[in-house]
Amino acid sequence: MRMKWMLAVLIAMGMAVPVGAAAQAKAASKSASQQQFDVGVSGYETMTSSSSGLGTLETPTNAPGGLLEIRYLIKPLVGVEMSYEFNKMDSTFAYNKATCPVVCLTSAATPTTSLSIKENNLALDYVASAKFGKLRAFGLGGVGFNITAPRPSLYGTHEVIRAAFNAGGGVEWDFLSHFGFRAQVRDYFVKAQNNSLLYPATGVTTQTIEPMGGIYYRF
């Protein structure tokens, strides 16, 4: 009787090995199908909040821009991305009595000035995603640098580099074997870039929302 039980166990183990191997192969295949390495380009429109503080009111204008991103998705919840953004925006600096402390570096007589500014964003992001057929939903967040370089002005300007924090999410669709469409919204947080020598920095963190769409190439 004991020999029969041992034989039955061995037969069961023998049957389980190929089944287990097949399951592992299927899991590995599914995991591999979730991996993706791509390069994408997108266009967007900035929506930046104004900021006020220390007697300064800084009002940026909305502007179009471009995004270049390199993304590597290792598995559904693990991925990384490097991105570069560029846009050209105009900002107006004006006196704001409501936020002026006891002693203000500006006054009502200080002239309002407008600057044309080139803005660059460099970021390194963590990406989590989930794929459903040809669709993939994703979320991202990370840190980077915001670099603003104004054109020369009568009242003096300077370039500013600040740390930036960003988050976002979206969805992408593989419409060809190597090409896809990506729609997303990104949200940047950075301390107001005071590029004018005439006005002091507001010291306030600003928010820039960027709805965007573009294409990517999957290797």
N, C-alpha and C. Protein backbone atom coordinates (compact mmCIF):
# COMPACT_ATOMS: atom_id res chain seq x y z
N MET A 1 0.83 -1.21 0.00
CA MET A 1 0.00 0.00 0.00
C MET A 1 0.86 1.25 0.00
N ARG A 2 1.96 1.21 0.84
CA ARG A 2 2.86 2.36 0.91
C ARG A 2 3.50 2.63 -0.45
N MET A 3 3.86 1.55 -1.16
CA MET A 3 4.48 1.72 -2.48
C MET A 3 3.50 2.38 -3.45
N LYS A 4 2.22 2.03 -3.36
CA LYS A 4 1.22 2.63 -4.25
C LYS A 4 1.11 4.13 -3.98
N TRP A 5 1.11 4.50 -2.67
CA TRP A 5 1.03 5.92 -2.33
C TRP A 5 2.26 6.68 -2.82
N MET A 6 3.43 6.07 -2.67
CA MET A 6 4.65 6.72 -3.14
C MET A 6 4.64 6.89 -4.64
N LEU A 7 4.14 5.85 -5.34
CA LEU A 7 4.06 5.91 -6.79
C LEU A 7 3.08 7.00 -7.23
N ALA A 8 1.96 7.11 -6.52
CA ALA A 8 0.97 8.13 -6.85
C ALA A 8 1.55 9.53 -6.64
N VAL A 9 2.30 9.71 -5.55
CA VAL A 9 2.92 11.01 -5.27
C VAL A 9 3.92 11.38 -6.34
N LEU A 10 4.74 10.39 -6.75
CA LEU A 10 5.73 10.65 -7.79
C LEU A 10 5.07 11.03 -9.11
N ILE A 11 3.98 10.31 -9.44
CA ILE A 11 3.26 10.62 -10.69
C ILE A 11 2.68 12.04 -10.62
N ALA A 12 2.11 12.39 -9.44
CA ALA A 12 1.53 13.73 -9.28
C ALA A 12 2.61 14.81 -9.40
N MET A 13 3.78 14.54 -8.80
CA MET A 13 4.87 15.50 -8.89
C MET A 13 5.35 15.64 -10.32
N GLY A 14 5.40 14.51 -11.02
CA GLY A 14 5.83 14.54 -12.42
C GLY A 14 4.88 15.34 -13.29
N MET A 15 3.58 15.25 -12.97
CA MET A 15 2.59 16.02 -13.73
C MET A 15 2.65 17.50 -13.36
N ALA A 16 3.01 17.79 -12.11
CA ALA A 16 3.02 19.18 -11.65
C ALA A 16 4.18 19.97 -12.24
N VAL A 17 5.31 19.29 -12.51
CA VAL A 17 6.48 19.99 -13.03
C VAL A 17 6.20 20.71 -14.34
N PRO A 18 5.67 20.00 -15.39
CA PRO A 18 5.41 20.73 -16.64
C PRO A 18 4.33 21.79 -16.49
N VAL A 19 3.33 21.51 -15.63
CA VAL A 19 2.28 22.51 -15.42
C VAL A 19 2.87 23.76 -14.77
N GLY A 20 3.74 23.54 -13.76
CA GLY A 20 4.39 24.68 -13.10
C GLY A 20 5.31 25.43 -14.04
N ALA A 21 6.04 24.69 -14.86
CA ALA A 21 6.93 25.33 -15.83
C ALA A 21 6.15 26.16 -16.83
N ALA A 22 5.00 25.60 -17.27
CA ALA A 22 4.15 26.33 -18.21
C ALA A 22 3.61 27.60 -17.57
N ALA A 23 3.22 27.51 -16.30
CA ALA A 23 2.69 28.68 -15.58
C ALA A 23 3.77 29.75 -15.44
N GLN A 24 5.01 29.31 -15.12
CA GLN A 24 6.11 30.26 -14.99
C GLN A 24 6.43 30.93 -16.32
N ALA A 25 6.40 30.13 -17.37
CA ALA A 25 6.67 30.67 -18.70
C ALA A 25 5.61 31.69 -19.09
N LYS A 26 4.35 31.38 -18.74
CA LYS A 26 3.25 32.30 -19.05
C LYS A 26 3.40 33.59 -18.27
N ALA A 27 3.78 33.46 -16.98
CA ALA A 27 3.97 34.64 -16.14
C ALA A 27 5.13 35.48 -16.66
N ALA A 28 6.22 34.80 -17.07
CA ALA A 28 7.38 35.52 -17.61
C ALA A 28 7.02 36.23 -18.90
N SER A 29 6.20 35.55 -19.74
CA SER A 29 5.77 36.15 -21.00
C SER A 29 4.91 37.37 -20.75
N LYS A 30 4.01 37.25 -19.75
CA LYS A 30 3.14 38.37 -19.41
C LYS A 30 3.95 39.53 -18.88
N SER A 31 4.97 39.21 -18.03
CA SER A 31 5.82 40.26 -17.48
C SER A 31 6.61 40.96 -18.59
N ALA A 32 7.11 40.15 -19.55
CA ALA A 32 7.86 40.72 -20.66
C ALA A 32 6.98 41.62 -21.51
N SER A 33 5.69 41.24 -21.67
CA SER A 33 4.77 42.05 -22.47
C SER A 33 4.48 43.39 -21.81
N GLN A 34 4.69 43.47 -20.48
CA GLN A 34 4.46 44.71 -19.75
C GLN A 34 5.65 45.65 -19.85
N GLN A 35 6.82 45.13 -20.24
CA GLN A 35 8.01 45.96 -20.35
C GLN A 35 7.93 46.85 -21.59
N GLN A 36 8.55 48.03 -21.48
CA GLN A 36 8.54 48.94 -22.61
C GLN A 36 9.66 49.96 -22.47
N PHE A 37 10.36 50.19 -23.58
CA PHE A 37 11.36 51.24 -23.66
C PHE A 37 11.00 52.12 -24.83
N ASP A 38 10.78 53.40 -24.59
CA ASP A 38 10.33 54.26 -25.68
C ASP A 38 10.87 55.67 -25.57
N VAL A 39 10.78 56.38 -26.67
CA VAL A 39 11.12 57.81 -26.74
C VAL A 39 9.88 58.52 -27.26
N GLY A 40 9.46 59.57 -26.55
CA GLY A 40 8.25 60.26 -26.94
C GLY A 40 8.43 61.77 -27.05
N VAL A 41 7.59 62.39 -27.87
CA VAL A 41 7.56 63.86 -27.98
C VAL A 41 6.10 64.30 -27.85
N SER A 42 5.89 65.41 -27.17
CA SER A 42 4.54 65.92 -26.96
C SER A 42 4.53 67.43 -27.02
N GLY A 43 3.36 67.97 -27.32
CA GLY A 43 3.15 69.41 -27.27
C GLY A 43 2.18 69.71 -26.14
N TYR A 44 2.31 70.87 -25.52
CA TYR A 44 1.45 71.19 -24.39
C TYR A 44 1.19 72.69 -24.30
N GLU A 45 0.29 73.05 -23.40
CA GLU A 45 -0.02 74.44 -23.09
C GLU A 45 0.15 74.64 -21.59
N THR A 46 0.93 75.66 -21.19
CA THR A 46 1.14 75.91 -19.77
C THR A 46 -0.03 76.70 -19.18
N MET A 47 -0.36 76.39 -17.94
CA MET A 47 -1.33 77.17 -17.17
C MET A 47 -0.69 77.41 -15.80
N THR A 48 0.02 78.53 -15.68
CA THR A 48 0.80 78.83 -14.48
C THR A 48 0.08 79.83 -13.59
N SER A 49 0.06 79.55 -12.30
CA SER A 49 -0.58 80.45 -11.35
C SER A 49 0.29 81.67 -11.10
N SER A 50 -0.35 82.81 -10.85
CA SER A 50 0.39 84.01 -10.50
C SER A 50 0.80 83.92 -9.03
N SER A 51 1.74 84.76 -8.61
CA SER A 51 2.19 84.75 -7.22
C SER A 51 2.38 86.17 -6.74
N SER A 52 2.18 86.38 -5.46
CA SER A 52 2.36 87.71 -4.89
C SER A 52 2.96 87.59 -3.50
N GLY A 53 3.87 88.51 -3.19
CA GLY A 53 4.53 88.53 -1.89
C GLY A 53 5.62 89.58 -1.87
N LEU A 54 5.87 90.15 -0.69
CA LEU A 54 6.92 91.15 -0.50
C LEU A 54 6.77 92.34 -1.45
N GLY A 55 5.51 92.68 -1.72
CA GLY A 55 5.25 93.85 -2.55
C GLY A 55 5.31 93.60 -4.04
N THR A 56 5.50 92.35 -4.45
CA THR A 56 5.61 92.01 -5.87
C THR A 56 4.43 91.16 -6.32
N LEU A 57 3.89 91.46 -7.47
CA LEU A 57 2.89 90.62 -8.12
C LEU A 57 3.47 90.13 -9.43
N GLU A 58 3.69 88.83 -9.54
CA GLU A 58 4.25 88.23 -10.76
C GLU A 58 3.15 87.46 -11.48
N THR A 59 2.89 87.82 -12.73
CA THR A 59 1.81 87.20 -13.49
C THR A 59 2.36 86.60 -14.78
N PRO A 60 2.53 85.28 -14.85
CA PRO A 60 2.98 84.63 -16.09
C PRO A 60 1.82 84.49 -17.08
N THR A 61 2.15 84.43 -18.33
CA THR A 61 1.13 84.18 -19.36
C THR A 61 1.21 82.73 -19.80
N ASN A 62 0.08 82.18 -20.23
CA ASN A 62 0.06 80.81 -20.75
C ASN A 62 0.83 80.76 -22.06
N ALA A 63 1.55 79.65 -22.26
CA ALA A 63 2.39 79.55 -23.46
C ALA A 63 2.47 78.10 -23.92
N PRO A 64 2.61 77.87 -25.23
CA PRO A 64 2.81 76.51 -25.74
C PRO A 64 4.23 76.05 -25.49
N GLY A 65 4.43 74.73 -25.45
CA GLY A 65 5.76 74.19 -25.23
C GLY A 65 5.90 72.79 -25.79
N GLY A 66 7.09 72.23 -25.65
CA GLY A 66 7.37 70.89 -26.15
C GLY A 66 8.04 70.04 -25.10
N LEU A 67 7.79 68.73 -25.14
CA LEU A 67 8.35 67.77 -24.18
C LEU A 67 9.04 66.64 -24.92
N LEU A 68 10.24 66.27 -24.45
CA LEU A 68 10.95 65.09 -24.93
C LEU A 68 11.13 64.16 -23.73
N GLU A 69 10.73 62.91 -23.86
CA GLU A 69 10.83 61.97 -22.74
C GLU A 69 11.40 60.63 -23.19
N ILE A 70 12.23 60.04 -22.32
CA ILE A 70 12.77 58.70 -22.52
C ILE A 70 12.28 57.86 -21.35
N ARG A 71 11.52 56.81 -21.65
CA ARG A 71 10.84 56.05 -20.60
C ARG A 71 11.18 54.57 -20.69
N TYR A 72 11.43 53.96 -19.53
CA TYR A 72 11.68 52.52 -19.46
C TYR A 72 10.77 51.94 -18.39
N LEU A 73 9.82 51.13 -18.82
CA LEU A 73 8.90 50.45 -17.92
C LEU A 73 9.40 49.03 -17.70
N ILE A 74 9.81 48.73 -16.48
CA ILE A 74 10.39 47.42 -16.16
C ILE A 74 9.30 46.39 -15.90
N LYS A 75 8.31 46.78 -15.10
CA LYS A 75 7.14 45.96 -14.83
C LYS A 75 6.01 46.88 -14.44
N PRO A 76 4.77 46.37 -14.29
CA PRO A 76 3.61 47.24 -14.11
C PRO A 76 3.77 48.38 -13.11
N LEU A 77 4.37 48.15 -11.97
CA LEU A 77 4.46 49.20 -10.96
C LEU A 77 5.85 49.81 -10.84
N VAL A 78 6.73 49.46 -11.74
CA VAL A 78 8.12 49.94 -11.66
C VAL A 78 8.57 50.46 -13.02
N GLY A 79 8.90 51.73 -13.07
CA GLY A 79 9.42 52.33 -14.29
C GLY A 79 10.11 53.64 -13.99
N VAL A 80 10.94 54.11 -14.92
CA VAL A 80 11.64 55.38 -14.74
C VAL A 80 11.55 56.18 -16.04
N GLU A 81 11.73 57.49 -15.89
CA GLU A 81 11.66 58.36 -17.06
C GLU A 81 12.55 59.58 -16.85
N MET A 82 13.20 60.00 -17.92
CA MET A 82 13.91 61.27 -17.96
C MET A 82 13.21 62.16 -18.97
N SER A 83 13.01 63.42 -18.63
CA SER A 83 12.29 64.30 -19.54
C SER A 83 12.92 65.69 -19.59
N TYR A 84 12.69 66.35 -20.72
CA TYR A 84 13.14 67.72 -20.92
C TYR A 84 11.99 68.51 -21.53
N GLU A 85 11.71 69.67 -20.96
CA GLU A 85 10.65 70.53 -21.47
C GLU A 85 11.20 71.91 -21.82
N PHE A 86 10.54 72.52 -22.80
CA PHE A 86 10.92 73.88 -23.20
C PHE A 86 9.67 74.66 -23.55
N ASN A 87 9.61 75.89 -23.06
CA ASN A 87 8.54 76.80 -23.49
C ASN A 87 9.02 78.24 -23.34
N LYS A 88 8.37 79.13 -24.02
CA LYS A 88 8.69 80.55 -23.97
C LYS A 88 7.48 81.28 -23.41
N MET A 89 7.66 81.92 -22.26
CA MET A 89 6.53 82.60 -21.64
C MET A 89 6.89 84.05 -21.34
N ASP A 90 5.87 84.87 -21.22
CA ASP A 90 6.05 86.26 -20.81
C ASP A 90 5.51 86.40 -19.39
N SER A 91 6.23 87.16 -18.56
CA SER A 91 5.80 87.41 -17.19
C SER A 91 5.81 88.90 -16.92
N THR A 92 4.80 89.35 -16.20
CA THR A 92 4.69 90.76 -15.83
C THR A 92 4.95 90.92 -14.34
N PHE A 93 5.78 91.88 -13.97
CA PHE A 93 6.09 92.18 -12.57
C PHE A 93 5.54 93.56 -12.24
N ALA A 94 4.76 93.62 -11.15
CA ALA A 94 4.14 94.88 -10.77
C ALA A 94 4.13 95.04 -9.26
N TYR A 95 3.96 96.28 -8.81
CA TYR A 95 3.89 96.57 -7.37
C TYR A 95 2.55 96.09 -6.82
N ASN A 96 2.57 95.49 -5.64
CA ASN A 96 1.35 94.99 -5.01
C ASN A 96 1.34 95.43 -3.54
N LYS A 97 0.59 96.47 -3.24
CA LYS A 97 0.57 97.04 -1.90
C LYS A 97 0.02 96.05 -0.87
N ALA A 98 -0.90 95.17 -1.30
CA ALA A 98 -1.54 94.25 -0.36
C ALA A 98 -0.56 93.28 0.29
N THR A 99 0.55 92.99 -0.38
CA THR A 99 1.53 92.04 0.17
C THR A 99 2.82 92.73 0.59
N CYS A 100 2.76 94.04 0.75
CA CYS A 100 3.96 94.79 1.11
C CYS A 100 4.12 94.81 2.63
N PRO A 101 5.27 94.35 3.16
CA PRO A 101 5.48 94.39 4.61
C PRO A 101 5.73 95.81 5.09
N VAL A 102 6.17 95.94 6.32
CA VAL A 102 6.40 97.27 6.89
C VAL A 102 7.38 98.06 6.03
N VAL A 103 8.44 97.40 5.62
CA VAL A 103 9.41 98.03 4.72
C VAL A 103 9.38 97.27 3.39
N CYS A 104 9.14 97.99 2.32
CA CYS A 104 9.01 97.34 1.01
C CYS A 104 10.16 97.77 0.11
N LEU A 105 10.67 96.82 -0.66
CA LEU A 105 11.77 97.14 -1.57
C LEU A 105 11.28 97.82 -2.84
N THR A 106 9.99 97.79 -3.04
CA THR A 106 9.40 98.46 -4.21
C THR A 106 8.37 99.47 -3.71
N SER A 107 7.89 100.28 -4.61
CA SER A 107 6.87 101.27 -4.26
C SER A 107 5.91 101.44 -5.43
N ALA A 108 4.87 102.21 -5.18
CA ALA A 108 3.88 102.44 -6.23
C ALA A 108 4.50 103.13 -7.44
N ALA A 109 5.62 103.79 -7.20
CA ALA A 109 6.29 104.50 -8.30
C ALA A 109 7.16 103.57 -9.14
N THR A 110 7.39 102.34 -8.65
CA THR A 110 8.21 101.39 -9.41
C THR A 110 7.46 100.98 -10.67
N PRO A 111 8.07 101.13 -11.83
CA PRO A 111 7.36 100.84 -13.08
C PRO A 111 7.08 99.34 -13.27
N THR A 112 5.92 99.05 -13.81
CA THR A 112 5.58 97.67 -14.17
C THR A 112 6.47 97.25 -15.34
N THR A 113 6.97 96.03 -15.26
CA THR A 113 7.86 95.56 -16.33
C THR A 113 7.44 94.17 -16.80
N SER A 114 7.58 93.93 -18.09
CA SER A 114 7.26 92.63 -18.68
C SER A 114 8.52 92.02 -19.26
N LEU A 115 8.70 90.72 -19.01
CA LEU A 115 9.88 90.02 -19.49
C LEU A 115 9.49 88.86 -20.39
N SER A 116 10.30 88.65 -21.42
CA SER A 116 10.15 87.46 -22.27
C SER A 116 11.14 86.42 -21.76
N ILE A 117 10.64 85.26 -21.36
CA ILE A 117 11.46 84.28 -20.64
C ILE A 117 11.44 82.92 -21.34
N LYS A 118 12.62 82.34 -21.47
CA LYS A 118 12.73 80.96 -21.94
C LYS A 118 12.78 80.05 -20.72
N GLU A 119 11.87 79.09 -20.65
CA GLU A 119 11.79 78.20 -19.49
C GLU A 119 12.17 76.78 -19.89
N ASN A 120 13.02 76.15 -19.09
CA ASN A 120 13.45 74.76 -19.32
C ASN A 120 13.21 73.95 -18.06
N ASN A 121 12.71 72.73 -18.23
CA ASN A 121 12.51 71.81 -17.11
C ASN A 121 13.23 70.50 -17.39
N LEU A 122 14.06 70.06 -16.46
CA LEU A 122 14.70 68.76 -16.52
C LEU A 122 14.19 67.93 -15.35
N ALA A 123 13.74 66.70 -15.60
CA ALA A 123 13.13 65.91 -14.53
C ALA A 123 13.50 64.44 -14.62
N LEU A 124 13.54 63.79 -13.46
CA LEU A 124 13.71 62.35 -13.35
C LEU A 124 12.50 61.84 -12.57
N ASP A 125 11.72 60.95 -13.18
CA ASP A 125 10.44 60.52 -12.61
C ASP A 125 10.36 59.02 -12.39
N TYR A 126 9.59 58.66 -11.38
CA TYR A 126 9.19 57.27 -11.16
C TYR A 126 7.85 57.07 -11.87
N VAL A 127 7.71 55.96 -12.57
CA VAL A 127 6.49 55.71 -13.34
C VAL A 127 5.87 54.38 -12.93
N ALA A 128 4.58 54.40 -12.60
CA ALA A 128 3.81 53.19 -12.33
C ALA A 128 2.75 53.07 -13.41
N SER A 129 2.55 51.87 -13.95
CA SER A 129 1.61 51.72 -15.06
C SER A 129 0.91 50.37 -15.01
N ALA A 130 -0.15 50.27 -15.77
CA ALA A 130 -0.89 49.01 -15.93
C ALA A 130 -1.40 48.95 -17.37
N LYS A 131 -1.18 47.81 -18.02
CA LYS A 131 -1.55 47.66 -19.43
C LYS A 131 -2.81 46.82 -19.59
N PHE A 132 -3.70 47.27 -20.47
CA PHE A 132 -4.95 46.57 -20.77
C PHE A 132 -5.08 46.48 -22.29
N GLY A 133 -4.58 45.37 -22.85
CA GLY A 133 -4.58 45.24 -24.30
C GLY A 133 -3.61 46.23 -24.91
N LYS A 134 -4.12 47.12 -25.80
CA LYS A 134 -3.27 48.12 -26.42
C LYS A 134 -3.27 49.44 -25.66
N LEU A 135 -4.00 49.48 -24.55
CA LEU A 135 -4.06 50.69 -23.74
C LEU A 135 -3.21 50.51 -22.48
N ARG A 136 -2.60 51.60 -22.04
CA ARG A 136 -1.82 51.58 -20.80
C ARG A 136 -2.11 52.87 -20.03
N ALA A 137 -2.50 52.71 -18.78
CA ALA A 137 -2.68 53.86 -17.89
C ALA A 137 -1.42 54.00 -17.03
N PHE A 138 -1.04 55.24 -16.72
CA PHE A 138 0.18 55.43 -15.95
C PHE A 138 0.07 56.67 -15.06
N GLY A 139 0.88 56.66 -14.02
CA GLY A 139 1.04 57.81 -13.15
C GLY A 139 2.52 58.01 -12.90
N LEU A 140 2.95 59.24 -12.66
CA LEU A 140 4.37 59.51 -12.47
C LEU A 140 4.58 60.64 -11.46
N GLY A 141 5.77 60.68 -10.93
CA GLY A 141 6.14 61.75 -10.00
C GLY A 141 7.64 61.78 -9.85
N GLY A 142 8.20 62.96 -9.62
CA GLY A 142 9.64 63.05 -9.49
C GLY A 142 10.13 64.44 -9.18
N VAL A 143 11.42 64.63 -9.35
CA VAL A 143 12.07 65.91 -9.03
C VAL A 143 12.95 66.32 -10.21
N GLY A 144 13.34 67.58 -10.19
CA GLY A 144 14.20 68.05 -11.27
C GLY A 144 14.61 69.49 -11.06
N PHE A 145 14.93 70.16 -12.17
CA PHE A 145 15.37 71.55 -12.12
C PHE A 145 14.55 72.38 -13.09
N ASN A 146 14.21 73.58 -12.66
CA ASN A 146 13.52 74.56 -13.50
C ASN A 146 14.50 75.69 -13.77
N ILE A 147 14.76 75.97 -15.04
CA ILE A 147 15.73 76.99 -15.44
C ILE A 147 15.02 78.04 -16.28
N THR A 148 15.06 79.29 -15.83
CA THR A 148 14.42 80.37 -16.57
C THR A 148 15.47 81.40 -16.98
N ALA A 149 15.46 81.75 -18.25
CA ALA A 149 16.45 82.69 -18.81
C ALA A 149 15.71 83.80 -19.55
N PRO A 150 15.63 84.99 -18.99
CA PRO A 150 14.92 86.10 -19.64
C PRO A 150 15.79 86.82 -20.67
N ARG A 151 15.11 87.47 -21.59
CA ARG A 151 15.83 88.33 -22.53
C ARG A 151 16.24 89.61 -21.80
N PRO A 152 17.27 90.29 -22.27
CA PRO A 152 17.71 91.53 -21.62
C PRO A 152 16.57 92.55 -21.53
N SER A 153 16.56 93.30 -20.44
CA SER A 153 15.53 94.31 -20.21
C SER A 153 16.18 95.59 -19.73
N LEU A 154 15.47 96.71 -19.88
CA LEU A 154 15.97 98.01 -19.47
C LEU A 154 16.30 98.05 -17.99
N TYR A 155 15.52 97.30 -17.18
CA TYR A 155 15.69 97.36 -15.72
C TYR A 155 16.54 96.22 -15.16
N GLY A 156 17.10 95.40 -16.01
CA GLY A 156 17.99 94.35 -15.55
C GLY A 156 17.28 93.02 -15.30
N THR A 157 17.95 91.94 -15.68
CA THR A 157 17.39 90.59 -15.50
C THR A 157 18.50 89.63 -15.08
N HIS A 158 18.10 88.46 -14.63
CA HIS A 158 19.07 87.41 -14.37
C HIS A 158 18.42 86.05 -14.52
N GLU A 159 19.27 85.06 -14.81
CA GLU A 159 18.81 83.67 -14.96
C GLU A 159 18.62 83.06 -13.58
N VAL A 160 17.59 82.20 -13.46
CA VAL A 160 17.28 81.57 -12.17
C VAL A 160 17.16 80.07 -12.35
N ILE A 161 17.79 79.31 -11.45
CA ILE A 161 17.67 77.84 -11.43
C ILE A 161 17.09 77.43 -10.09
N ARG A 162 15.99 76.68 -10.12
CA ARG A 162 15.34 76.26 -8.89
C ARG A 162 14.99 74.78 -8.97
N ALA A 163 14.89 74.15 -7.78
CA ALA A 163 14.42 72.76 -7.73
C ALA A 163 12.93 72.73 -8.05
N ALA A 164 12.51 71.67 -8.72
CA ALA A 164 11.10 71.53 -9.10
C ALA A 164 10.59 70.15 -8.73
N PHE A 165 9.31 70.09 -8.42
CA PHE A 165 8.65 68.82 -8.11
C PHE A 165 7.46 68.67 -9.05
N ASN A 166 7.28 67.47 -9.56
CA ASN A 166 6.20 67.29 -10.51
C ASN A 166 5.48 65.96 -10.31
N ALA A 167 4.25 65.91 -10.77
CA ALA A 167 3.43 64.71 -10.73
C ALA A 167 2.50 64.75 -11.93
N GLY A 168 1.97 63.61 -12.29
CA GLY A 168 1.07 63.58 -13.44
C GLY A 168 0.57 62.19 -13.73
N GLY A 169 -0.15 62.07 -14.81
CA GLY A 169 -0.69 60.78 -15.22
C GLY A 169 -1.38 60.90 -16.55
N GLY A 170 -1.69 59.76 -17.14
CA GLY A 170 -2.35 59.77 -18.42
C GLY A 170 -2.59 58.37 -18.95
N VAL A 171 -2.80 58.30 -20.25
CA VAL A 171 -3.07 57.03 -20.91
C VAL A 171 -2.40 57.03 -22.27
N GLU A 172 -1.98 55.87 -22.73
CA GLU A 172 -1.37 55.74 -24.05
C GLU A 172 -1.97 54.57 -24.80
N TRP A 173 -1.89 54.65 -26.14
CA TRP A 173 -2.52 53.67 -27.01
C TRP A 173 -1.54 53.26 -28.10
N ASP A 174 -1.25 51.94 -28.20
CA ASP A 174 -0.38 51.42 -29.26
C ASP A 174 -1.18 51.26 -30.55
N PHE A 175 -1.08 52.22 -31.46
CA PHE A 175 -1.87 52.11 -32.70
C PHE A 175 -1.10 51.42 -33.83
N LEU A 176 0.22 51.26 -33.66
CA LEU A 176 1.02 50.49 -34.60
C LEU A 176 1.99 49.63 -33.79
N SER A 177 2.73 48.75 -34.48
CA SER A 177 3.62 47.83 -33.77
C SER A 177 4.66 48.56 -32.94
N HIS A 178 5.16 49.72 -33.42
CA HIS A 178 6.19 50.45 -32.69
C HIS A 178 5.77 51.87 -32.30
N PHE A 179 4.62 52.32 -32.78
CA PHE A 179 4.20 53.69 -32.50
C PHE A 179 2.93 53.72 -31.65
N GLY A 180 2.85 54.77 -30.83
CA GLY A 180 1.67 54.93 -30.00
C GLY A 180 1.37 56.39 -29.76
N PHE A 181 0.16 56.64 -29.26
CA PHE A 181 -0.27 57.99 -28.92
C PHE A 181 -0.36 58.10 -27.40
N ARG A 182 0.12 59.21 -26.85
CA ARG A 182 0.13 59.40 -25.40
C ARG A 182 -0.54 60.73 -25.04
N ALA A 183 -1.52 60.68 -24.15
CA ALA A 183 -2.18 61.87 -23.63
C ALA A 183 -1.96 61.90 -22.12
N GLN A 184 -1.59 63.06 -21.62
CA GLN A 184 -1.28 63.15 -20.19
C GLN A 184 -1.44 64.57 -19.68
N VAL A 185 -1.44 64.69 -18.36
CA VAL A 185 -1.46 65.99 -17.70
C VAL A 185 -0.34 65.99 -16.66
N ARG A 186 0.49 67.02 -16.68
CA ARG A 186 1.58 67.14 -15.70
C ARG A 186 1.38 68.38 -14.86
N ASP A 187 1.84 68.30 -13.62
CA ASP A 187 1.67 69.38 -12.66
C ASP A 187 3.02 69.69 -12.02
N TYR A 188 3.55 70.91 -12.26
CA TYR A 188 4.86 71.29 -11.74
C TYR A 188 4.71 72.28 -10.59
N PHE A 189 5.55 72.09 -9.58
CA PHE A 189 5.58 73.00 -8.44
C PHE A 189 7.00 73.53 -8.29
N VAL A 190 7.14 74.85 -8.28
CA VAL A 190 8.45 75.48 -8.16
C VAL A 190 8.29 76.85 -7.52
N LYS A 191 9.27 77.27 -6.73
CA LYS A 191 9.20 78.60 -6.14
C LYS A 191 9.32 79.63 -7.25
N ALA A 192 8.48 80.66 -7.16
CA ALA A 192 8.40 81.67 -8.22
C ALA A 192 9.77 82.15 -8.66
N GLN A 193 9.99 82.12 -9.98
CA GLN A 193 11.29 82.49 -10.53
C GLN A 193 11.34 84.00 -10.73
N ASN A 194 12.01 84.69 -9.84
CA ASN A 194 12.12 86.13 -9.97
C ASN A 194 13.27 86.49 -10.90
N ASN A 195 12.93 86.78 -12.15
CA ASN A 195 13.96 87.08 -13.14
C ASN A 195 14.22 88.57 -13.29
N SER A 196 13.50 89.39 -12.55
CA SER A 196 13.67 90.84 -12.65
C SER A 196 14.54 91.36 -11.51
N LEU A 197 15.51 92.18 -11.85
CA LEU A 197 16.34 92.82 -10.82
C LEU A 197 15.62 94.00 -10.17
N LEU A 198 14.53 94.42 -10.78
CA LEU A 198 13.79 95.57 -10.28
C LEU A 198 12.86 95.18 -9.13
N TYR A 199 12.38 93.95 -9.14
CA TYR A 199 11.44 93.48 -8.13
C TYR A 199 12.03 92.33 -7.31
N PRO A 200 11.72 92.27 -6.01
CA PRO A 200 12.18 91.14 -5.20
C PRO A 200 11.36 89.90 -5.47
N ALA A 201 11.89 88.74 -5.13
CA ALA A 201 11.17 87.48 -5.32
C ALA A 201 9.94 87.45 -4.40
N THR A 202 8.86 86.86 -4.86
CA THR A 202 7.64 86.77 -4.05
C THR A 202 7.78 85.74 -2.94
N GLY A 203 8.67 84.74 -3.14
CA GLY A 203 8.86 83.70 -2.14
C GLY A 203 7.73 82.69 -2.09
N VAL A 204 6.87 82.68 -3.09
CA VAL A 204 5.69 81.80 -3.12
C VAL A 204 5.91 80.67 -4.13
N THR A 205 5.44 79.49 -3.78
CA THR A 205 5.52 78.35 -4.70
C THR A 205 4.41 78.44 -5.72
N THR A 206 4.75 78.33 -6.99
CA THR A 206 3.76 78.41 -8.06
C THR A 206 3.46 77.01 -8.61
N GLN A 207 2.34 76.91 -9.26
CA GLN A 207 1.89 75.65 -9.85
C GLN A 207 1.67 75.84 -11.34
N THR A 208 2.18 74.92 -12.13
CA THR A 208 1.99 74.95 -13.58
C THR A 208 1.35 73.64 -14.03
N ILE A 209 0.15 73.73 -14.57
CA ILE A 209 -0.55 72.56 -15.10
C ILE A 209 -0.32 72.51 -16.61
N GLU A 210 0.03 71.33 -17.10
CA GLU A 210 0.35 71.18 -18.53
C GLU A 210 -0.43 70.01 -19.13
N PRO A 211 -1.57 70.27 -19.77
CA PRO A 211 -2.23 69.22 -20.55
C PRO A 211 -1.47 69.04 -21.86
N MET A 212 -1.19 67.78 -22.22
CA MET A 212 -0.37 67.55 -23.40
C MET A 212 -0.74 66.28 -24.15
N GLY A 213 -0.33 66.21 -25.39
CA GLY A 213 -0.54 65.02 -26.20
C GLY A 213 0.57 64.88 -27.21
N GLY A 214 0.91 63.62 -27.55
CA GLY A 214 1.99 63.40 -28.50
C GLY A 214 2.11 61.94 -28.89
N ILE A 215 3.22 61.59 -29.52
CA ILE A 215 3.44 60.22 -29.97
C ILE A 215 4.74 59.69 -29.36
N TYR A 216 4.88 58.37 -29.36
CA TYR A 216 6.11 57.74 -28.87
C TYR A 216 6.48 56.58 -29.78
N TYR A 217 7.75 56.23 -29.75
CA TYR A 217 8.26 55.10 -30.51
C TYR A 217 8.76 54.05 -29.53
N ARG A 218 8.25 52.83 -29.64
CA ARG A 218 8.66 51.72 -28.77
C ARG A 218 9.74 50.89 -29.45
N PHE A 219 10.84 50.68 -28.75
CA PHE A 219 11.94 49.87 -29.31
C PHE A 219 11.67 48.38 -29.06
